[in-house]
C-alpha atoms as a PDB file:
ATOM      1  CA  MET A   1      -0.112   0.082   0.052  1.00  0.00           C
ATOM      2  CA  VAL A   2       1.046   3.550  -0.629  1.00  0.00           C
ATOM      3  CA  THR A   3       0.369   7.035   0.605  1.00  0.00           C
ATOM      4  CA  LEU A   4      -0.256   9.341  -2.072  1.00  0.00           C
ATOM      5  CA  GLY A   5       0.524  13.067  -2.824  1.00  0.00           C
ATOM      6  CA  VAL A   6      -1.234  14.856  -5.610  1.00  0.00           C
ATOM      7  CA  SER A   7      -0.371  17.973  -7.828  1.00  0.00           C
ATOM      8  CA  LEU A   8      -3.187  20.067  -9.578  1.00  0.00           C
ATOM      9  CA  ILE A   9      -2.249  21.555 -13.049  1.00  0.00           C
ATOM     10  CA  LEU A  10      -4.770  23.793 -14.409  1.00  0.00           C
ATOM     11  CA  SER A  11      -5.169  26.045 -17.542  1.00  0.00           C
ATOM     12  CA  GLY A  12      -7.627  27.037 -19.995  1.00  0.00           C
ATOM     13  CA  ALA A  13     -11.370  27.470 -20.614  1.00  0.00           C
ATOM     14  CA  PRO A  14     -14.218  25.385 -21.571  1.00  0.00           C
ATOM     15  CA  PHE A  15     -14.488  24.197 -25.246  1.00  0.00           C
ATOM     16  CA  GLN A  16     -11.094  25.613 -26.058  1.00  0.00           C
ATOM     17  CA  LEU A  17      -7.806  24.037 -26.863  1.00  0.00           C
ATOM     18  CA  PRO A  18      -6.085  25.404 -23.703  1.00  0.00           C
ATOM     19  CA  VAL A  19      -2.233  24.752 -24.179  1.00  0.00           C
ATOM     20  CA  GLU A  20       0.151  24.529 -26.960  1.00  0.00           C
ATOM     21  CA  SER A  21       2.972  22.755 -24.587  1.00  0.00           C
ATOM     22  CA  TRP A  22       3.450  21.325 -21.211  1.00  0.00           C
ATOM     23  CA  SER A  23       5.131  24.252 -20.213  1.00  0.00           C
ATOM     24  CA  ASP A  24       2.042  26.142 -20.661  1.00  0.00           C
ATOM     25  CA  LEU A  25       0.329  24.370 -17.679  1.00  0.00           C
ATOM     26  CA  GLN A  26       0.351  26.126 -14.515  1.00  0.00           C
ATOM     27  CA  LEU A  27       0.861  24.532 -11.062  1.00  0.00           C
ATOM     28  CA  VAL A  28      -1.608  25.988  -8.866  1.00  0.00           C
ATOM     29  CA  SER A  29      -2.073  23.490  -5.914  1.00  0.00           C
ATOM     30  CA  VAL A  30      -0.553  20.652  -4.145  1.00  0.00           C
ATOM     31  CA  ILE A  31      -2.760  18.390  -1.908  1.00  0.00           C
ATOM     32  CA  GLU A  32      -1.121  15.558   0.162  1.00  0.00           C
ATOM     33  CA  LEU A  33      -3.917  12.702   0.402  1.00  0.00           C
ATOM     34  CA  GLU A  34      -3.802  11.106   3.878  1.00  0.00           C
ATOM     35  CA  GLY A  35      -4.701   7.428   3.337  1.00  0.00           C
ATOM     36  CA  ASP A  36      -3.598   4.257   2.024  1.00  0.00           C
ATOM     37  CA  THR A  37      -4.380   3.013  -1.653  1.00  0.00           C
ATOM     38  CA  TYR A  38      -2.993   0.249  -3.736  1.00  0.00           C
ATOM     39  CA  HIS A  39      -2.094   0.698  -7.556  1.00  0.00           C
ATOM     40  CA  VAL A  40      -3.865   3.756  -8.522  1.00  0.00           C
ATOM     41  CA  GLN A  41      -5.923   3.643 -11.648  1.00  0.00           C
ATOM     42  CA  GLY A  42      -8.505   6.323 -11.920  1.00  0.00           C
ATOM     43  CA  VAL A  43      -9.416   9.660 -10.346  1.00  0.00           C
ATOM     44  CA  ASP A  44     -12.190  12.340 -10.637  1.00  0.00           C
ATOM     45  CA  PHE A  45     -13.636  14.908  -8.154  1.00  0.00           C
ATOM     46  CA  ASN A  46     -16.121  17.736  -7.822  1.00  0.00           C
ATOM     47  CA  ASN A  47     -15.782  20.941  -5.707  1.00  0.00           C
ATOM     48  CA  GLN A  48     -15.834  18.776  -2.404  1.00  0.00           C
ATOM     49  CA  ARG A  49     -14.466  15.373  -2.892  1.00  0.00           C
ATOM     50  CA  LEU A  50     -11.934  13.401  -4.638  1.00  0.00           C
ATOM     51  CA  TRP A  51     -12.718   9.776  -5.905  1.00  0.00           C
ATOM     52  CA  VAL A  52      -9.754   7.276  -6.621  1.00  0.00           C
ATOM     53  CA  THR A  53      -9.738   3.790  -7.940  1.00  0.00           C
ATOM     54  CA  SER A  54      -7.073   1.249  -6.882  1.00  0.00           C
ATOM     55  CA  VAL A  55      -6.373  -2.386  -7.338  1.00  0.00           C
ATOM     56  CA  ASP A  56      -4.973  -4.707  -4.859  1.00  0.00           C
ATOM     57  CA  THR A  57      -3.510  -7.642  -7.064  1.00  0.00           C
ATOM     58  CA  ALA A  58      -2.559  -9.816  -4.240  1.00  0.00           C
ATOM     59  CA  ALA A  59      -5.979  -9.780  -2.700  1.00  0.00           C
ATOM     60  CA  GLY A  60      -7.845  -9.794  -5.938  1.00  0.00           C
ATOM     61  CA  LYS A  61      -9.899  -6.737  -4.839  1.00  0.00           C
ATOM     62  CA  GLY A  62     -10.653  -3.455  -6.544  1.00  0.00           C
ATOM     63  CA  ARG A  63     -11.417  -0.380  -4.318  1.00  0.00           C
ATOM     64  CA  LEU A  64     -13.144   2.982  -4.716  1.00  0.00           C
ATOM     65  CA  HIS A  65     -11.623   5.563  -2.218  1.00  0.00           C
ATOM     66  CA  GLU A  66     -13.028   9.093  -1.268  1.00  0.00           C
ATOM     67  CA  PHE A  67     -11.090  11.780  -0.141  1.00  0.00           C
ATOM     68  CA  SER A  68     -12.116  15.272   1.167  1.00  0.00           C
ATOM     69  CA  LEU A  69     -10.620  17.803  -1.425  1.00  0.00           C
ATOM     70  CA  ALA A  70     -10.403  20.231   1.284  1.00  0.00           C
ATOM     71  CA  THR A  71      -8.233  18.435   3.911  1.00  0.00           C
ATOM     72  CA  GLY A  72      -6.919  15.531   1.700  1.00  0.00           C
ATOM     73  CA  LYS A  73      -8.207  13.062   4.368  1.00  0.00           C
ATOM     74  CA  MET A  74      -9.602   9.659   3.284  1.00  0.00           C
ATOM     75  CA  GLU A  75     -13.177   9.511   4.133  1.00  0.00           C
ATOM     76  CA  ARG A  76     -14.497   5.930   3.008  1.00  0.00           C
ATOM     77  CA  THR A  77     -13.461   3.108   0.876  1.00  0.00           C
ATOM     78  CA  GLU A  78     -15.699   0.540  -0.980  1.00  0.00           C
ATOM     79  CA  GLU A  79     -14.829  -2.708  -2.463  1.00  0.00           C
ATOM     80  CA  ILE A  80     -15.897  -2.859  -6.247  1.00  0.00           C
ATOM     81  CA  GLN A  81     -14.681  -6.294  -7.480  1.00  0.00           C
ATOM     82  CA  ASP A  82     -17.192  -8.610  -9.300  1.00  0.00           C
ATOM     83  CA  GLY A  83     -15.757 -12.041  -9.004  1.00  0.00           C
ATOM     84  CA  ILE A  84     -12.919 -12.498 -11.416  1.00  0.00           C
ATOM     85  CA  ARG A  85     -13.405  -8.885 -12.316  1.00  0.00           C
ATOM     86  CA  PHE A  86     -11.370  -6.764  -9.717  1.00  0.00           C
ATOM     87  CA  HIS A  87      -9.357  -4.186 -11.939  1.00  0.00           C
ATOM     88  CA  PRO A  88     -10.989  -0.847 -11.759  1.00  0.00           C
ATOM     89  CA  GLY A  89      -9.922   1.613 -14.475  1.00  0.00           C
ATOM     90  CA  GLY A  90     -10.082   5.394 -15.345  1.00  0.00           C
ATOM     91  CA  ILE A  91     -13.233   6.733 -14.128  1.00  0.00           C
ATOM     92  CA  ALA A  92     -15.695   9.527 -14.981  1.00  0.00           C
ATOM     93  CA  SER A  93     -18.511  11.380 -12.976  1.00  0.00           C
ATOM     94  CA  ASP A  94     -21.754  13.222 -14.012  1.00  0.00           C
ATOM     95  CA  GLU A  95     -23.891  15.239 -11.727  1.00  0.00           C
ATOM     96  CA  GLN A  96     -25.218  12.328  -9.663  1.00  0.00           C
ATOM     97  CA  SER A  97     -23.094   9.275 -10.423  1.00  0.00           C
ATOM     98  CA  ILE A  98     -19.593   7.838 -10.701  1.00  0.00           C
ATOM     99  CA  TRP A  99     -18.955   5.520 -13.708  1.00  0.00           C
ATOM    100  CA  ILE A 100     -16.302   2.891 -13.195  1.00  0.00           C
ATOM    101  CA  PRO A 101     -15.037  -0.053 -15.319  1.00  0.00           C
ATOM    102  CA  VAL A 102     -14.064  -3.108 -13.514  1.00  0.00           C
ATOM    103  CA  ALA A 103     -12.300  -5.713 -15.627  1.00  0.00           C
ATOM    104  CA  GLU A 104     -10.476  -9.216 -15.377  1.00  0.00           C
ATOM    105  CA  TYR A 105      -6.618  -8.360 -15.035  1.00  0.00           C
ATOM    106  CA  ARG A 106      -5.834  -9.585 -18.574  1.00  0.00           C
ATOM    107  CA  ARG A 107      -6.272  -8.414 -22.174  1.00  0.00           C
ATOM    108  CA  ALA A 108      -9.282  -9.333 -24.285  1.00  0.00           C
ATOM    109  CA  SER A 109     -11.249 -10.370 -21.301  1.00  0.00           C
ATOM    110  CA  THR A 110     -14.555  -9.263 -19.741  1.00  0.00           C
ATOM    111  CA  SER A 111     -15.884  -6.057 -17.508  1.00  0.00           C
ATOM    112  CA  VAL A 112     -18.628  -4.602 -15.914  1.00  0.00           C
ATOM    113  CA  ILE A 113     -19.357  -1.139 -16.203  1.00  0.00           C
ATOM    114  CA  GLU A 114     -20.760   0.199 -12.889  1.00  0.00           C
ATOM    115  CA  ARG A 115     -22.568   3.430 -12.014  1.00  0.00           C
ATOM    116  CA  ARG A 116     -22.334   4.279  -8.377  1.00  0.00           C
ATOM    117  CA  ASN A 117     -24.050   7.098  -6.297  1.00  0.00           C
ATOM    118  CA  LYS A 118     -21.880   9.949  -5.809  1.00  0.00           C
ATOM    119  CA  ARG A 119     -23.377  10.493  -2.310  1.00  0.00           C
ATOM    120  CA  THR A 120     -23.391   6.876  -0.999  1.00  0.00           C
ATOM    121  CA  LEU A 121     -20.780   5.286  -3.364  1.00  0.00           C
ATOM    122  CA  GLN A 122     -23.540   2.386  -3.360  1.00  0.00           C
ATOM    123  CA  LEU A 123     -24.025   0.398  -6.827  1.00  0.00           C
ATOM    124  CA  GLU A 124     -26.977   1.728  -8.702  1.00  0.00           C
ATOM    125  CA  PHE A 125     -26.534  -0.040 -12.128  1.00  0.00           C
ATOM    126  CA  ALA A 126     -24.224  -2.320 -13.964  1.00  0.00           C
ATOM    127  CA  PHE A 127     -23.760  -3.793 -17.359  1.00  0.00           C
ATOM    128  CA  SER A 128     -21.476  -6.492 -18.797  1.00  0.00           C
ATOM    129  CA  VAL A 129     -18.757  -6.018 -21.763  1.00  0.00           C
ATOM    130  CA  SER A 130     -17.186  -8.879 -23.377  1.00  0.00           C
ATOM    131  CA  ASP A 131     -13.730  -6.862 -23.433  1.00  0.00           C
ATOM    132  CA  HIS A 132     -11.281  -5.453 -20.854  1.00  0.00           C
ATOM    133  CA  ILE A 133     -12.383  -1.786 -20.576  1.00  0.00           C
ATOM    134  CA  GLY A 134      -9.850   0.191 -19.069  1.00  0.00           C
ATOM    135  CA  CYS A 135     -11.140   3.904 -19.069  1.00  0.00           C
ATOM    136  CA  VAL A 136     -14.503   5.645 -19.460  1.00  0.00           C
ATOM    137  CA  ALA A 137     -15.651   8.964 -20.390  1.00  0.00           C
ATOM    138  CA  VAL A 138     -19.360  10.178 -19.675  1.00  0.00           C
ATOM    139  CA  THR A 139     -21.554  12.711 -21.782  1.00  0.00           C
ATOM    140  CA  PRO A 140     -25.038  13.651 -21.142  1.00  0.00           C
ATOM    141  CA  GLU A 141     -26.128  11.134 -23.527  1.00  0.00           C
ATOM    142  CA  TYR A 142     -23.547   8.537 -23.806  1.00  0.00           C
ATOM    143  CA  LEU A 143     -20.710   6.575 -22.221  1.00  0.00           C
ATOM    144  CA  ILE A 144     -17.443   6.044 -23.844  1.00  0.00           C
ATOM    145  CA  GLY A 145     -14.872   3.232 -23.003  1.00  0.00           C
ATOM    146  CA  GLY A 146     -11.566   2.413 -24.143  1.00  0.00           C
ATOM    147  CA  ASN A 147     -10.293  -1.189 -24.021  1.00  0.00           C
ATOM    148  CA  TRP A 148      -6.944  -2.604 -22.982  1.00  0.00           C
ATOM    149  CA  ASP A 149      -4.378   0.334 -24.302  1.00  0.00           C
ATOM    150  CA  SER A 150      -7.318   1.736 -25.659  1.00  0.00           C
ATOM    151  CA  LEU A 151      -6.933   0.261 -29.146  1.00  0.00           C
ATOM    152  CA  GLU A 152     -10.668   0.455 -29.584  1.00  0.00           C
ATOM    153  CA  PHE A 153     -13.456   2.780 -28.389  1.00  0.00           C
ATOM    154  CA  TYR A 154     -17.017   1.579 -27.368  1.00  0.00           C
ATOM    155  CA  VAL A 155     -19.897   3.867 -27.338  1.00  0.00           C
ATOM    156  CA  TRP A 156     -23.110   3.176 -25.234  1.00  0.00           C
ATOM    157  CA  ASP A 157     -26.149   4.815 -24.078  1.00  0.00           C
ATOM    158  CA  HIS A 158     -26.482   5.360 -20.445  1.00  0.00           C
ATOM    159  CA  SER A 159     -28.650   1.875 -20.395  1.00  0.00           C
ATOM    160  CA  GLY A 160     -25.659  -0.091 -21.434  1.00  0.00           C
ATOM    161  CA  LYS A 161     -26.834  -0.502 -25.117  1.00  0.00           C
ATOM    162  CA  LEU A 162     -23.749  -0.784 -27.322  1.00  0.00           C
ATOM    163  CA  LEU A 163     -24.081   1.871 -30.175  1.00  0.00           C
ATOM    164  CA  ARG A 164     -20.784   1.403 -32.012  1.00  0.00           C
ATOM    165  CA  THR A 165     -17.130   0.616 -31.760  1.00  0.00           C
ATOM    166  CA  VAL A 166     -14.350   2.703 -33.270  1.00  0.00           C
ATOM    167  CA  GLY A 167     -10.743   2.011 -33.784  1.00  0.00           C
ATOM    168  CA  ASN A 168      -8.379   4.576 -32.008  1.00  0.00           C
ATOM    169  CA  GLU A 169      -6.369   6.285 -34.803  1.00  0.00           C
ATOM    170  CA  THR A 170      -4.131   8.120 -32.277  1.00  0.00           C
ATOM    171  CA  HIS A 171      -1.684   5.267 -31.145  1.00  0.00           C
ATOM    172  CA  ASN A 172      -1.886   6.648 -27.600  1.00  0.00           C
ATOM    173  CA  ALA A 173      -2.694   3.845 -24.743  1.00  0.00           C
ATOM    174  CA  TYR A 174      -5.141   6.001 -22.976  1.00  0.00           C
ATOM    175  CA  GLN A 175      -5.279   5.325 -19.172  1.00  0.00           C
ATOM    176  CA  ASP A 176      -7.915   8.110 -18.394  1.00  0.00           C
ATOM    177  CA  MET A 177     -10.505  10.005 -20.337  1.00  0.00           C
ATOM    178  CA  LYS A 178     -12.766  12.881 -19.533  1.00  0.00           C
ATOM    179  CA  PHE A 179     -15.636  14.613 -21.843  1.00  0.00           C
ATOM    180  CA  ASP A 180     -15.208  18.567 -21.815  1.00  0.00           C
ATOM    181  CA  GLY A 181     -18.411  19.203 -23.551  1.00  0.00           C
ATOM    182  CA  ARG A 182     -16.927  19.050 -26.985  1.00  0.00           C
ATOM    183  CA  TYR A 183     -13.607  17.006 -26.850  1.00  0.00           C
ATOM    184  CA  ILE A 184     -12.716  13.720 -25.186  1.00  0.00           C
ATOM    185  CA  VAL A 185      -9.533  14.648 -23.344  1.00  0.00           C
ATOM    186  CA  ALA A 186      -7.465  11.578 -22.728  1.00  0.00           C
ATOM    187  CA  SER A 187      -3.930  10.798 -21.366  1.00  0.00           C
ATOM    188  CA  GLY A 188      -1.670   7.888 -21.838  1.00  0.00           C
ATOM    189  CA  LEU A 189       1.633   6.507 -23.145  1.00  0.00           C
ATOM    190  CA  LEU A 190       2.896   6.423 -26.774  1.00  0.00           C
ATOM    191  CA  SER A 191       4.623   3.458 -28.361  1.00  0.00           C
ATOM    192  CA  ASP A 192       8.129   5.058 -27.421  1.00  0.00           C
ATOM    193  CA  GLY A 193       7.313   5.180 -23.757  1.00  0.00           C
ATOM    194  CA  SER A 194       6.576   8.939 -23.601  1.00  0.00           C
ATOM    195  CA  GLY A 195       3.295  10.278 -22.404  1.00  0.00           C
ATOM    196  CA  ALA A 196       0.902  12.622 -24.157  1.00  0.00           C
ATOM    197  CA  VAL A 197      -2.364  14.336 -23.599  1.00  0.00           C
ATOM    198  CA  ASP A 198      -5.000  14.425 -26.323  1.00  0.00           C
ATOM    199  CA  TRP A 199      -7.930  16.175 -27.479  1.00  0.00           C
ATOM    200  CA  ILE A 200     -10.276  13.963 -29.481  1.00  0.00           C
ATOM    201  CA  ASP A 201     -13.293  15.144 -31.480  1.00  0.00           C
ATOM    202  CA  PHE A 202     -16.550  13.521 -30.514  1.00  0.00           C
ATOM    203  CA  PRO A 203     -18.368  11.819 -32.152  1.00  0.00           C
ATOM    204  CA  SER A 204     -15.787  11.473 -34.950  1.00  0.00           C
ATOM    205  CA  PHE A 205     -12.833  10.333 -32.775  1.00  0.00           C
ATOM    206  CA  HIS A 206     -10.392  12.123 -34.781  1.00  0.00           C
ATOM    207  CA  LEU A 207      -7.241  13.606 -33.143  1.00  0.00           C
ATOM    208  CA  VAL A 208      -7.566  17.417 -32.843  1.00  0.00           C
ATOM    209  CA  HIS A 209      -4.623  18.354 -30.736  1.00  0.00           C
ATOM    210  CA  ARG A 210      -1.708  16.679 -28.832  1.00  0.00           C
ATOM    211  CA  VAL A 211       0.556  17.833 -25.959  1.00  0.00           C
ATOM    212  CA  LYS A 212       3.649  15.875 -25.016  1.00  0.00           C
ATOM    213  CA  ALA A 213       3.792  15.100 -21.331  1.00  0.00           C
ATOM    214  CA  GLU A 214       7.102  15.776 -19.339  1.00  0.00           C
ATOM    215  CA  SER A 215       8.375  13.361 -16.878  1.00  0.00           C
ATOM    216  CA  THR A 216       8.262  13.423 -12.972  1.00  0.00           C
ATOM    217  CA  ASP A 217      11.371  13.754 -10.905  1.00  0.00           C
ATOM    218  CA  ARG A 218      11.783   9.947 -11.160  1.00  0.00           C
ATOM    219  CA  GLN A 219      11.757  10.124 -14.893  1.00  0.00           C
ATOM    220  CA  VAL A 220       8.234   8.498 -15.186  1.00  0.00           C
ATOM    221  CA  PRO A 221       5.814  10.386 -17.668  1.00  0.00           C
ATOM    222  CA  PHE A 222       3.068  12.280 -15.898  1.00  0.00           C
ATOM    223  CA  THR A 223       0.634  10.371 -17.976  1.00  0.00           C
ATOM    224  CA  ARG A 224       1.783   6.845 -16.927  1.00  0.00           C
ATOM    225  CA  GLU A 225      -1.057   4.404 -15.594  1.00  0.00           C
ATOM    226  CA  GLY A 226      -1.790   5.205 -12.106  1.00  0.00           C
ATOM    227  CA  ARG A 227       0.052   8.470 -12.113  1.00  0.00           C
ATOM    228  CA  ASN A 228      -2.203  10.780 -13.970  1.00  0.00           C
ATOM    229  CA  ALA A 229      -5.617  11.656 -14.996  1.00  0.00           C
ATOM    230  CA  TRP A 230      -7.228  14.359 -16.771  1.00  0.00           C
ATOM    231  CA  ALA A 231     -10.690  16.058 -15.635  1.00  0.00           C
ATOM    232  CA  GLU A 232     -12.889  18.637 -16.658  1.00  0.00           C
ATOM    233  CA  ALA A 233     -13.628  20.907 -13.454  1.00  0.00           C
ATOM    234  CA  TYR A 234     -16.620  23.295 -13.312  1.00  0.00           C
ATOM    235  CA  TRP A 235     -15.940  24.605 -10.060  1.00  0.00           C
ATOM    236  CA  GLU A 236     -18.812  26.579  -8.439  1.00  0.00           C
ATOM    237  CA  ASN A 237     -18.369  30.089  -9.528  1.00  0.00           C
ATOM    238  CA  GLU A 238     -15.039  29.556 -11.294  1.00  0.00           C
ATOM    239  CA  SER A 239     -16.248  28.111 -14.718  1.00  0.00           C
ATOM    240  CA  SER A 240     -12.956  29.260 -16.510  1.00  0.00           C
ATOM    241  CA  ARG A 241     -11.155  26.489 -14.561  1.00  0.00           C
ATOM    242  CA  HIS A 242     -11.214  23.642 -17.077  1.00  0.00           C
ATOM    243  CA  LEU A 243      -8.321  21.402 -17.590  1.00  0.00           C
ATOM    244  CA  VAL A 244      -7.058  19.464 -14.690  1.00  0.00           C
ATOM    245  CA  GLY A 245      -4.282  17.027 -14.209  1.00  0.00           C
ATOM    246  CA  TRP A 246      -3.582  15.003 -11.260  1.00  0.00           C
ATOM    247  CA  TYR A 247      -0.211  13.537 -10.488  1.00  0.00           C
ATOM    248  CA  PHE A 248       0.128  10.735  -7.950  1.00  0.00           C
ATOM    249  CA  SER A 249       3.427  10.126  -6.252  1.00  0.00           C
ATOM    250  CA  GLN A 250       4.464   7.760  -3.173  1.00  0.00           C
ATOM    251  CA  VAL A 251       5.045   9.908   0.007  1.00  0.00           C
ATOM    252  CA  HIS A 252       7.999   8.349   2.127  1.00  0.00           C
END
């Protein structure tokens, strides 16, 4: 288990391509999270709470952790495995719910997509997928998922009905995705091991913009799995705050 710190990087305005390079991003806050997690997979937040998924491989368990955004203290944890499916992925939230993919820990396997109540963290709805889904993004009408290394995108309605699948033309192995009202903003690793954040047009899934990620002081790309997730943030009375990056690092 590890204790995590989190850095928040913020720039830009809604529905715009906010940055040309990583150096354009502004570090505005660092929050130390007080609590133990396992291998971090996904993160999302609102103006009060931060949610993190992690996987405990040894115990075969997935977990959803909730932290206070004001204090950094862990407030509660829920187990989220479904039998052999215990690997949660990149998560996304809407006004009332948190959407979480929970998959077998292997490529080309099976998943369940869970919708959990933001207030209680209790399971409200789930549907099965015959593939390993590693990250999701939610729009007002659709749920978008990426499989292992995001080689393919899935689009469902909110009832779990599959509408279409689309091959990923970007060659970026996305670990986390968020929908910003116009674009899918997704972070992951490229084939050369470097990291990148992409803006993808929806519904065409064409790459619109890419920012290459820098590395941490341990020479790990910020967009590596379990290290970074990108989220839109419409903070109360601060709608101009838009693109947020979370970098997780072990605190010794």
